[in-house]
Amino acid sequence: MNRKIEILYTPHFLRMYGKLDNELCSDIKDKINKFTNRESHISLKVHKLKNLNNTYSFSVNYKIIIVFEYGKTKNVVHLLYVGDHGTIY
């Protein structure tokens, strides 16, 4: 059975999200919704981050990414960061 992923938002993620413009926020909501379906992970370019332990990311657009970590199971995800790809590394 392929259950949808439960999304949990960290306070840091919500603060960062709140500083973004409405159009980008709309794109982010769409990508998060898409991310809840595992079949979309290839198109979102979900991958493990090399320099940060137990963290993964997926693309919102060519510049913006969302960083996350799995909870106790891979059906629960904690969103940690949203922003420019270059500032993560």
PDB file of N, CA and C in Angstrom:
ATOM      1  N   MET A   1       0.845  -1.186   0.000  1.00  0.00           N
ATOM      2  CA  MET A   1       0.000   0.000   0.000  1.00  0.00           C
ATOM      3  C   MET A   1       0.887   1.245   0.000  1.00  0.00           C
ATOM      4  N   ASN A   2       0.599   2.183  -0.855  1.00  0.00           N
ATOM      5  CA  ASN A   2       1.384   3.404  -0.999  1.00  0.00           C
ATOM      6  C   ASN A   2       0.669   4.562  -0.299  1.00  0.00           C
ATOM      7  N   ARG A   3       0.952   4.741   0.998  1.00  0.00           N
ATOM      8  CA  ARG A   3       0.289   5.787   1.766  1.00  0.00           C
ATOM      9  C   ARG A   3       0.880   7.146   1.448  1.00  0.00           C
ATOM     10  N   LYS A   4       0.038   8.160   1.562  1.00  0.00           N
ATOM     11  CA  LYS A   4       0.521   9.530   1.381  1.00  0.00           C
ATOM     12  C   LYS A   4       1.443   9.905   2.521  1.00  0.00           C
ATOM     13  N   ILE A   5       2.359  10.786   2.242  1.00  0.00           N
ATOM     14  CA  ILE A   5       3.306  11.265   3.236  1.00  0.00           C
ATOM     15  C   ILE A   5       2.647  12.361   4.065  1.00  0.00           C
ATOM     16  N   GLU A   6       2.826  12.279   5.386  1.00  0.00           N
ATOM     17  CA  GLU A   6       2.341  13.318   6.289  1.00  0.00           C
ATOM     18  C   GLU A   6       3.421  14.397   6.399  1.00  0.00           C
ATOM     19  N   ILE A   7       3.036  15.648   6.212  1.00  0.00           N
ATOM     20  CA  ILE A   7       3.967  16.770   6.234  1.00  0.00           C
ATOM     21  C   ILE A   7       3.840  17.507   7.568  1.00  0.00           C
ATOM     22  N   LEU A   8       4.975  17.719   8.230  1.00  0.00           N
ATOM     23  CA  LEU A   8       5.043  18.519   9.452  1.00  0.00           C
ATOM     24  C   LEU A   8       5.967  19.704   9.179  1.00  0.00           C
ATOM     25  N   TYR A   9       5.553  20.874   9.608  1.00  0.00           N
ATOM     26  CA  TYR A   9       6.296  22.110   9.336  1.00  0.00           C
ATOM     27  C   TYR A   9       7.030  22.559  10.593  1.00  0.00           C
ATOM     28  N   THR A  10       8.358  22.729  10.491  1.00  0.00           N
ATOM     29  CA  THR A  10       9.114  23.255  11.630  1.00  0.00           C
ATOM     30  C   THR A  10       8.893  24.764  11.714  1.00  0.00           C
ATOM     31  N   PRO A  11       9.050  25.354  12.906  1.00  0.00           N
ATOM     32  CA  PRO A  11       8.914  26.811  13.033  1.00  0.00           C
ATOM     33  C   PRO A  11       9.878  27.573  12.106  1.00  0.00           C
ATOM     34  N   HIS A  12      11.089  27.054  11.951  1.00  0.00           N
ATOM     35  CA  HIS A  12      12.064  27.706  11.068  1.00  0.00           C
ATOM     36  C   HIS A  12      11.555  27.741   9.621  1.00  0.00           C
ATOM     37  N   PHE A  13      11.032  26.611   9.158  1.00  0.00           N
ATOM     38  CA  PHE A  13      10.477  26.550   7.805  1.00  0.00           C
ATOM     39  C   PHE A  13       9.355  27.575   7.649  1.00  0.00           C
ATOM     40  N   LEU A  14       8.449  27.635   8.612  1.00  0.00           N
ATOM     41  CA  LEU A  14       7.313  28.557   8.525  1.00  0.00           C
ATOM     42  C   LEU A  14       7.755  30.013   8.520  1.00  0.00           C
ATOM     43  N   ARG A  15       8.796  30.348   9.298  1.00  0.00           N
ATOM     44  CA  ARG A  15       9.322  31.728   9.271  1.00  0.00           C
ATOM     45  C   ARG A  15       9.886  32.068   7.900  1.00  0.00           C
ATOM     46  N   MET A  16      10.644  31.149   7.333  1.00  0.00           N
ATOM     47  CA  MET A  16      11.232  31.386   6.006  1.00  0.00           C
ATOM     48  C   MET A  16      10.133  31.511   4.953  1.00  0.00           C
ATOM     49  N   TYR A  17       9.170  30.628   5.010  1.00  0.00           N
ATOM     50  CA  TYR A  17       8.055  30.623   4.064  1.00  0.00           C
ATOM     51  C   TYR A  17       7.287  31.946   4.135  1.00  0.00           C
ATOM     52  N   GLY A  18       7.098  32.454   5.346  1.00  0.00           N
ATOM     53  CA  GLY A  18       6.343  33.693   5.543  1.00  0.00           C
ATOM     54  C   GLY A  18       7.002  34.925   4.941  1.00  0.00           C
ATOM     55  N   LYS A  19       8.269  34.850   4.636  1.00  0.00           N
ATOM     56  CA  LYS A  19       9.000  35.985   4.064  1.00  0.00           C
ATOM     57  C   LYS A  19       8.995  35.988   2.533  1.00  0.00           C
ATOM     58  N   LEU A  20       8.419  34.957   1.931  1.00  0.00           N
ATOM     59  CA  LEU A  20       8.439  34.820   0.474  1.00  0.00           C
ATOM     60  C   LEU A  20       7.219  35.477  -0.161  1.00  0.00           C
ATOM     61  N   ASP A  21       7.346  35.824  -1.444  1.00  0.00           N
ATOM     62  CA  ASP A  21       6.220  36.456  -2.134  1.00  0.00           C
ATOM     63  C   ASP A  21       5.123  35.443  -2.440  1.00  0.00           C
ATOM     64  N   ASN A  22       3.920  35.957  -2.674  1.00  0.00           N
ATOM     65  CA  ASN A  22       2.727  35.112  -2.844  1.00  0.00           C
ATOM     66  C   ASN A  22       2.842  34.124  -3.994  1.00  0.00           C
ATOM     67  N   GLU A  23       3.422  34.538  -5.111  1.00  0.00           N
ATOM     68  CA  GLU A  23       3.530  33.643  -6.263  1.00  0.00           C
ATOM     69  C   GLU A  23       4.433  32.453  -5.935  1.00  0.00           C
ATOM     70  N   LEU A  24       5.563  32.724  -5.288  1.00  0.00           N
ATOM     71  CA  LEU A  24       6.469  31.648  -4.900  1.00  0.00           C
ATOM     72  C   LEU A  24       5.808  30.741  -3.857  1.00  0.00           C
ATOM     73  N   CYS A  25       5.086  31.324  -2.915  1.00  0.00           N
ATOM     74  CA  CYS A  25       4.365  30.521  -1.913  1.00  0.00           C
ATOM     75  C   CYS A  25       3.367  29.582  -2.572  1.00  0.00           C
ATOM     76  N   SER A  26       2.705  30.043  -3.598  1.00  0.00           N
ATOM     77  CA  SER A  26       1.760  29.204  -4.333  1.00  0.00           C
ATOM     78  C   SER A  26       2.487  28.032  -4.991  1.00  0.00           C
ATOM     79  N   ASP A  27       3.649  28.309  -5.603  1.00  0.00           N
ATOM     80  CA  ASP A  27       4.444  27.244  -6.218  1.00  0.00           C
ATOM     81  C   ASP A  27       4.905  26.235  -5.164  1.00  0.00           C
ATOM     82  N   ILE A  28       5.314  26.731  -4.002  1.00  0.00           N
ATOM     83  CA  ILE A  28       5.782  25.859  -2.922  1.00  0.00           C
ATOM     84  C   ILE A  28       4.655  24.954  -2.447  1.00  0.00           C
ATOM     85  N   LYS A  29       3.457  25.508  -2.254  1.00  0.00           N
ATOM     86  CA  LYS A  29       2.306  24.699  -1.837  1.00  0.00           C
ATOM     87  C   LYS A  29       2.032  23.591  -2.850  1.00  0.00           C
ATOM     88  N   ASP A  30       2.096  23.932  -4.137  1.00  0.00           N
ATOM     89  CA  ASP A  30       1.865  22.938  -5.183  1.00  0.00           C
ATOM     90  C   ASP A  30       2.898  21.812  -5.116  1.00  0.00           C
ATOM     91  N   LYS A  31       4.171  22.175  -4.927  1.00  0.00           N
ATOM     92  CA  LYS A  31       5.234  21.168  -4.882  1.00  0.00           C
ATOM     93  C   LYS A  31       5.120  20.299  -3.637  1.00  0.00           C
ATOM     94  N   ILE A  32       4.769  20.887  -2.499  1.00  0.00           N
ATOM     95  CA  ILE A  32       4.594  20.099  -1.274  1.00  0.00           C
ATOM     96  C   ILE A  32       3.447  19.118  -1.457  1.00  0.00           C
ATOM     97  N   ASN A  33       2.368  19.573  -2.045  1.00  0.00           N
ATOM     98  CA  ASN A  33       1.233  18.688  -2.315  1.00  0.00           C
ATOM     99  C   ASN A  33       1.657  17.536  -3.234  1.00  0.00           C
ATOM    100  N   LYS A  34       2.413  17.857  -4.256  1.00  0.00           N
ATOM    101  CA  LYS A  34       2.912  16.836  -5.180  1.00  0.00           C
ATOM    102  C   LYS A  34       3.848  15.865  -4.449  1.00  0.00           C
ATOM    103  N   PHE A  35       4.674  16.387  -3.545  1.00  0.00           N
ATOM    104  CA  PHE A  35       5.639  15.585  -2.796  1.00  0.00           C
ATOM    105  C   PHE A  35       4.967  14.516  -1.935  1.00  0.00           C
ATOM    106  N   THR A  36       3.746  14.752  -1.482  1.00  0.00           N
ATOM    107  CA  THR A  36       3.062  13.771  -0.632  1.00  0.00           C
ATOM    108  C   THR A  36       2.785  12.463  -1.358  1.00  0.00           C
ATOM    109  N   ASN A  37       2.887  12.465  -2.671  1.00  0.00           N
ATOM    110  CA  ASN A  37       2.723  11.261  -3.472  1.00  0.00           C
ATOM    111  C   ASN A  37       4.114  10.780  -3.908  1.00  0.00           C
ATOM    112  N   ARG A  38       4.546   9.646  -3.403  1.00  0.00           N
ATOM    113  CA  ARG A  38       5.891   9.132  -3.698  1.00  0.00           C
ATOM    114  C   ARG A  38       6.183   8.996  -5.190  1.00  0.00           C
ATOM    115  N   GLU A  39       5.173   8.775  -5.986  1.00  0.00           N
ATOM    116  CA  GLU A  39       5.374   8.620  -7.428  1.00  0.00           C
ATOM    117  C   GLU A  39       5.905   9.894  -8.069  1.00  0.00           C
ATOM    118  N   SER A  40       5.765  11.037  -7.394  1.00  0.00           N
ATOM    119  CA  SER A  40       6.237  12.316  -7.918  1.00  0.00           C
ATOM    120  C   SER A  40       7.684  12.627  -7.548  1.00  0.00           C
ATOM    121  N   HIS A  41       8.304  11.809  -6.718  1.00  0.00           N
ATOM    122  CA  HIS A  41       9.629  12.136  -6.203  1.00  0.00           C
ATOM    123  C   HIS A  41      10.702  12.242  -7.287  1.00  0.00           C
ATOM    124  N   ILE A  42      10.597  11.471  -8.332  1.00  0.00           N
ATOM    125  CA  ILE A  42      11.584  11.569  -9.416  1.00  0.00           C
ATOM    126  C   ILE A  42      11.475  12.925 -10.109  1.00  0.00           C
ATOM    127  N   SER A  43      10.271  13.358 -10.415  1.00  0.00           N
ATOM    128  CA  SER A  43      10.104  14.638 -11.113  1.00  0.00           C
ATOM    129  C   SER A  43      10.482  15.821 -10.221  1.00  0.00           C
ATOM    130  N   LEU A  44      10.403  15.654  -8.891  1.00  0.00           N
ATOM    131  CA  LEU A  44      10.782  16.719  -7.959  1.00  0.00           C
ATOM    132  C   LEU A  44      12.283  16.690  -7.639  1.00  0.00           C
ATOM    133  N   LYS A  45      12.980  15.678  -8.157  1.00  0.00           N
ATOM    134  CA  LYS A  45      14.426  15.524  -7.933  1.00  0.00           C
ATOM    135  C   LYS A  45      14.759  15.353  -6.449  1.00  0.00           C
ATOM    136  N   VAL A  46      13.986  14.528  -5.755  1.00  0.00           N
ATOM    137  CA  VAL A  46      14.248  14.244  -4.339  1.00  0.00           C
ATOM    138  C   VAL A  46      15.587  13.525  -4.238  1.00  0.00           C
ATOM    139  N   HIS A  47      16.454  14.031  -3.335  1.00  0.00           N
ATOM    140  CA  HIS A  47      17.757  13.396  -3.152  1.00  0.00           C
ATOM    141  C   HIS A  47      18.315  13.695  -1.767  1.00  0.00           C
ATOM    142  N   LYS A  48      19.210  12.825  -1.319  1.00  0.00           N
ATOM    143  CA  LYS A  48      19.880  12.997  -0.033  1.00  0.00           C
ATOM    144  C   LYS A  48      20.951  14.066  -0.186  1.00  0.00           C
ATOM    145  N   LEU A  49      21.068  14.926   0.828  1.00  0.00           N
ATOM    146  CA  LEU A  49      22.102  15.958   0.812  1.00  0.00           C
ATOM    147  C   LEU A  49      23.389  15.375   1.380  1.00  0.00           C
ATOM    148  N   LYS A  50      24.482  15.594   0.695  1.00  0.00           N
ATOM    149  CA  LYS A  50      25.758  14.995   1.077  1.00  0.00           C
ATOM    150  C   LYS A  50      26.357  15.631   2.328  1.00  0.00           C
ATOM    151  N   ASN A  51      26.237  16.926   2.470  1.00  0.00           N
ATOM    152  CA  ASN A  51      26.926  17.635   3.545  1.00  0.00           C
ATOM    153  C   ASN A  51      26.125  17.756   4.836  1.00  0.00           C
ATOM    154  N   LEU A  52      24.879  17.352   4.827  1.00  0.00           N
ATOM    155  CA  LEU A  52      24.021  17.474   6.007  1.00  0.00           C
ATOM    156  C   LEU A  52      23.462  16.103   6.362  1.00  0.00           C
ATOM    157  N   ASN A  53      23.736  15.644   7.568  1.00  0.00           N
ATOM    158  CA  ASN A  53      23.315  14.305   7.993  1.00  0.00           C
ATOM    159  C   ASN A  53      21.804  14.139   7.978  1.00  0.00           C
ATOM    160  N   ASN A  54      21.364  13.029   7.407  1.00  0.00           N
ATOM    161  CA  ASN A  54      19.957  12.619   7.430  1.00  0.00           C
ATOM    162  C   ASN A  54      19.000  13.654   6.853  1.00  0.00           C
ATOM    163  N   THR A  55      19.466  14.470   5.937  1.00  0.00           N
ATOM    164  CA  THR A  55      18.590  15.458   5.306  1.00  0.00           C
ATOM    165  C   THR A  55      18.507  15.194   3.812  1.00  0.00           C
ATOM    166  N   TYR A  56      17.383  15.599   3.262  1.00  0.00           N
ATOM    167  CA  TYR A  56      17.069  15.401   1.853  1.00  0.00           C
ATOM    168  C   TYR A  56      16.501  16.703   1.324  1.00  0.00           C
ATOM    169  N   SER A  57      16.394  16.805   0.013  1.00  0.00           N
ATOM    170  CA  SER A  57      15.768  17.998  -0.553  1.00  0.00           C
ATOM    171  C   SER A  57      15.001  17.652  -1.812  1.00  0.00           C
ATOM    172  N   PHE A  58      14.140  18.589  -2.208  1.00  0.00           N
ATOM    173  CA  PHE A  58      13.485  18.510  -3.514  1.00  0.00           C
ATOM    174  C   PHE A  58      13.338  19.912  -4.065  1.00  0.00           C
ATOM    175  N   SER A  59      13.185  20.002  -5.365  1.00  0.00           N
ATOM    176  CA  SER A  59      13.169  21.274  -6.065  1.00  0.00           C
ATOM    177  C   SER A  59      11.779  21.875  -6.135  1.00  0.00           C
ATOM    178  N   VAL A  60      11.728  23.186  -5.935  1.00  0.00           N
ATOM    179  CA  VAL A  60      10.512  23.951  -6.195  1.00  0.00           C
ATOM    180  C   VAL A  60      10.601  24.508  -7.599  1.00  0.00           C
ATOM    181  N   ASN A  61      11.756  25.084  -7.922  1.00  0.00           N
ATOM    182  CA  ASN A  61      12.057  25.584  -9.269  1.00  0.00           C
ATOM    183  C   ASN A  61      13.562  25.512  -9.461  1.00  0.00           C
ATOM    184  N   TYR A  62      14.091  26.176 -10.468  1.00  0.00           N
ATOM    185  CA  TYR A  62      15.523  26.070 -10.759  1.00  0.00           C
ATOM    186  C   TYR A  62      16.392  26.653  -9.646  1.00  0.00           C
ATOM    187  N   LYS A  63      15.831  27.483  -8.787  1.00  0.00           N
ATOM    188  CA  LYS A  63      16.609  28.171  -7.761  1.00  0.00           C
ATOM    189  C   LYS A  63      16.244  27.776  -6.329  1.00  0.00           C
ATOM    190  N   ILE A  64      14.988  27.477  -6.079  1.00  0.00           N
ATOM    191  CA  ILE A  64      14.484  27.258  -4.721  1.00  0.00           C
ATOM    192  C   ILE A  64      14.333  25.769  -4.429  1.00  0.00           C
ATOM    193  N   ILE A  65      14.785  25.357  -3.226  1.00  0.00           N
ATOM    194  CA  ILE A  65      14.619  23.977  -2.784  1.00  0.00           C
ATOM    195  C   ILE A  65      13.954  23.943  -1.409  1.00  0.00           C
ATOM    196  N   ILE A  66      13.452  22.779  -1.076  1.00  0.00           N
ATOM    197  CA  ILE A  66      12.921  22.501   0.253  1.00  0.00           C
ATOM    198  C   ILE A  66      13.773  21.388   0.841  1.00  0.00           C
ATOM    199  N   VAL A  67      14.257  21.606   2.062  1.00  0.00           N
ATOM    200  CA  VAL A  67      15.058  20.611   2.763  1.00  0.00           C
ATOM    201  C   VAL A  67      14.177  19.971   3.825  1.00  0.00           C
ATOM    202  N   PHE A  68      14.316  18.650   3.953  1.00  0.00           N
ATOM    203  CA  PHE A  68      13.477  17.921   4.899  1.00  0.00           C
ATOM    204  C   PHE A  68      14.243  16.759   5.506  1.00  0.00           C
ATOM    205  N   GLU A  69      13.656  16.209   6.553  1.00  0.00           N
ATOM    206  CA  GLU A  69      14.152  14.962   7.130  1.00  0.00           C
ATOM    207  C   GLU A  69      12.946  14.077   7.408  1.00  0.00           C
ATOM    208  N   TYR A  70      13.193  12.780   7.380  1.00  0.00           N
ATOM    209  CA  TYR A  70      12.123  11.834   7.684  1.00  0.00           C
ATOM    210  C   TYR A  70      11.929  11.741   9.185  1.00  0.00           C
ATOM    211  N   GLY A  71      10.699  11.476   9.591  1.00  0.00           N
ATOM    212  CA  GLY A  71      10.392  11.238  10.994  1.00  0.00           C
ATOM    213  C   GLY A  71      10.744   9.807  11.352  1.00  0.00           C
ATOM    214  N   LYS A  72       9.998   9.236  12.285  1.00  0.00           N
ATOM    215  CA  LYS A  72      10.265   7.864  12.717  1.00  0.00           C
ATOM    216  C   LYS A  72      10.062   6.858  11.586  1.00  0.00           C
ATOM    217  N   THR A  73       9.200   7.214  10.632  1.00  0.00           N
ATOM    218  CA  THR A  73       9.004   6.379   9.439  1.00  0.00           C
ATOM    219  C   THR A  73       9.134   7.280   8.219  1.00  0.00           C
ATOM    220  N   LYS A  74       9.214   6.665   7.058  1.00  0.00           N
ATOM    221  CA  LYS A  74       9.325   7.450   5.827  1.00  0.00           C
ATOM    222  C   LYS A  74       7.968   7.986   5.374  1.00  0.00           C
ATOM    223  N   ASN A  75       6.931   7.756   6.184  1.00  0.00           N
ATOM    224  CA  ASN A  75       5.614   8.315   5.880  1.00  0.00           C
ATOM    225  C   ASN A  75       5.388   9.649   6.577  1.00  0.00           C
ATOM    226  N   VAL A  76       6.372  10.085   7.377  1.00  0.00           N
ATOM    227  CA  VAL A  76       6.307  11.374   8.070  1.00  0.00           C
ATOM    228  C   VAL A  76       7.543  12.171   7.694  1.00  0.00           C
ATOM    229  N   VAL A  77       7.333  13.421   7.273  1.00  0.00           N
ATOM    230  CA  VAL A  77       8.431  14.285   6.851  1.00  0.00           C
ATOM    231  C   VAL A  77       8.348  15.608   7.602  1.00  0.00           C
ATOM    232  N   HIS A  78       9.491  16.079   8.074  1.00  0.00           N
ATOM    233  CA  HIS A  78       9.603  17.377   8.734  1.00  0.00           C
ATOM    234  C   HIS A  78      10.267  18.335   7.743  1.00  0.00           C
ATOM    235  N   LEU A  79       9.562  19.382   7.331  1.00  0.00           N
ATOM    236  CA  LEU A  79      10.148  20.378   6.435  1.00  0.00           C
ATOM    237  C   LEU A  79      10.993  21.324   7.280  1.00  0.00           C
ATOM    238  N   LEU A  80      12.257  21.492   6.890  1.00  0.00           N
ATOM    239  CA  LEU A  80      13.223  22.241   7.681  1.00  0.00           C
ATOM    240  C   LEU A  80      13.554  23.611   7.110  1.00  0.00           C
ATOM    241  N   TYR A  81      13.600  23.726   5.775  1.00  0.00           N
ATOM    242  CA  TYR A  81      14.157  24.907   5.141  1.00  0.00           C
ATOM    243  C   TYR A  81      13.532  25.090   3.775  1.00  0.00           C
ATOM    244  N   VAL A  82      13.286  26.317   3.405  1.00  0.00           N
ATOM    245  CA  VAL A  82      12.895  26.618   2.043  1.00  0.00           C
ATOM    246  C   VAL A  82      13.662  27.858   1.621  1.00  0.00           C
ATOM    247  N   GLY A  83      14.328  27.775   0.497  1.00  0.00           N
ATOM    248  CA  GLY A  83      15.083  28.929   0.039  1.00  0.00           C
ATOM    249  C   GLY A  83      16.025  28.601  -1.096  1.00  0.00           C
ATOM    250  N   ASP A  84      16.929  29.528  -1.305  1.00  0.00           N
ATOM    251  CA  ASP A  84      17.888  29.448  -2.400  1.00  0.00           C
ATOM    252  C   ASP A  84      18.809  28.243  -2.244  1.00  0.00           C
ATOM    253  N   HIS A  85      18.962  27.513  -3.308  1.00  0.00           N
ATOM    254  CA  HIS A  85      19.814  26.313  -3.322  1.00  0.00           C
ATOM    255  C   HIS A  85      21.231  26.642  -2.864  1.00  0.00           C
ATOM    256  N   GLY A  86      21.768  27.758  -3.262  1.00  0.00           N
ATOM    257  CA  GLY A  86      23.147  28.119  -2.954  1.00  0.00           C
ATOM    258  C   GLY A  86      23.416  28.369  -1.489  1.00  0.00           C
ATOM    259  N   THR A  87      22.429  28.757  -0.724  1.00  0.00           N
ATOM    260  CA  THR A  87      22.664  29.063   0.688  1.00  0.00           C
ATOM    261  C   THR A  87      22.664  27.815   1.560  1.00  0.00           C
ATOM    262  N   ILE A  88      22.222  26.704   1.042  1.00  0.00           N
ATOM    263  CA  ILE A  88      22.213  25.451   1.803  1.00  0.00           C
ATOM    264  C   ILE A  88      23.622  24.907   1.960  1.00  0.00           C
ATOM    265  N   TYR A  89      24.424  25.030   0.940  1.00  0.00           N
ATOM    266  CA  TYR A  89      25.766  24.467   0.966  1.00  0.00           C
ATOM    267  C   TYR A  89      26.700  25.529   1.415  1.00  0.00           C
TER     268      TYR A  89
END
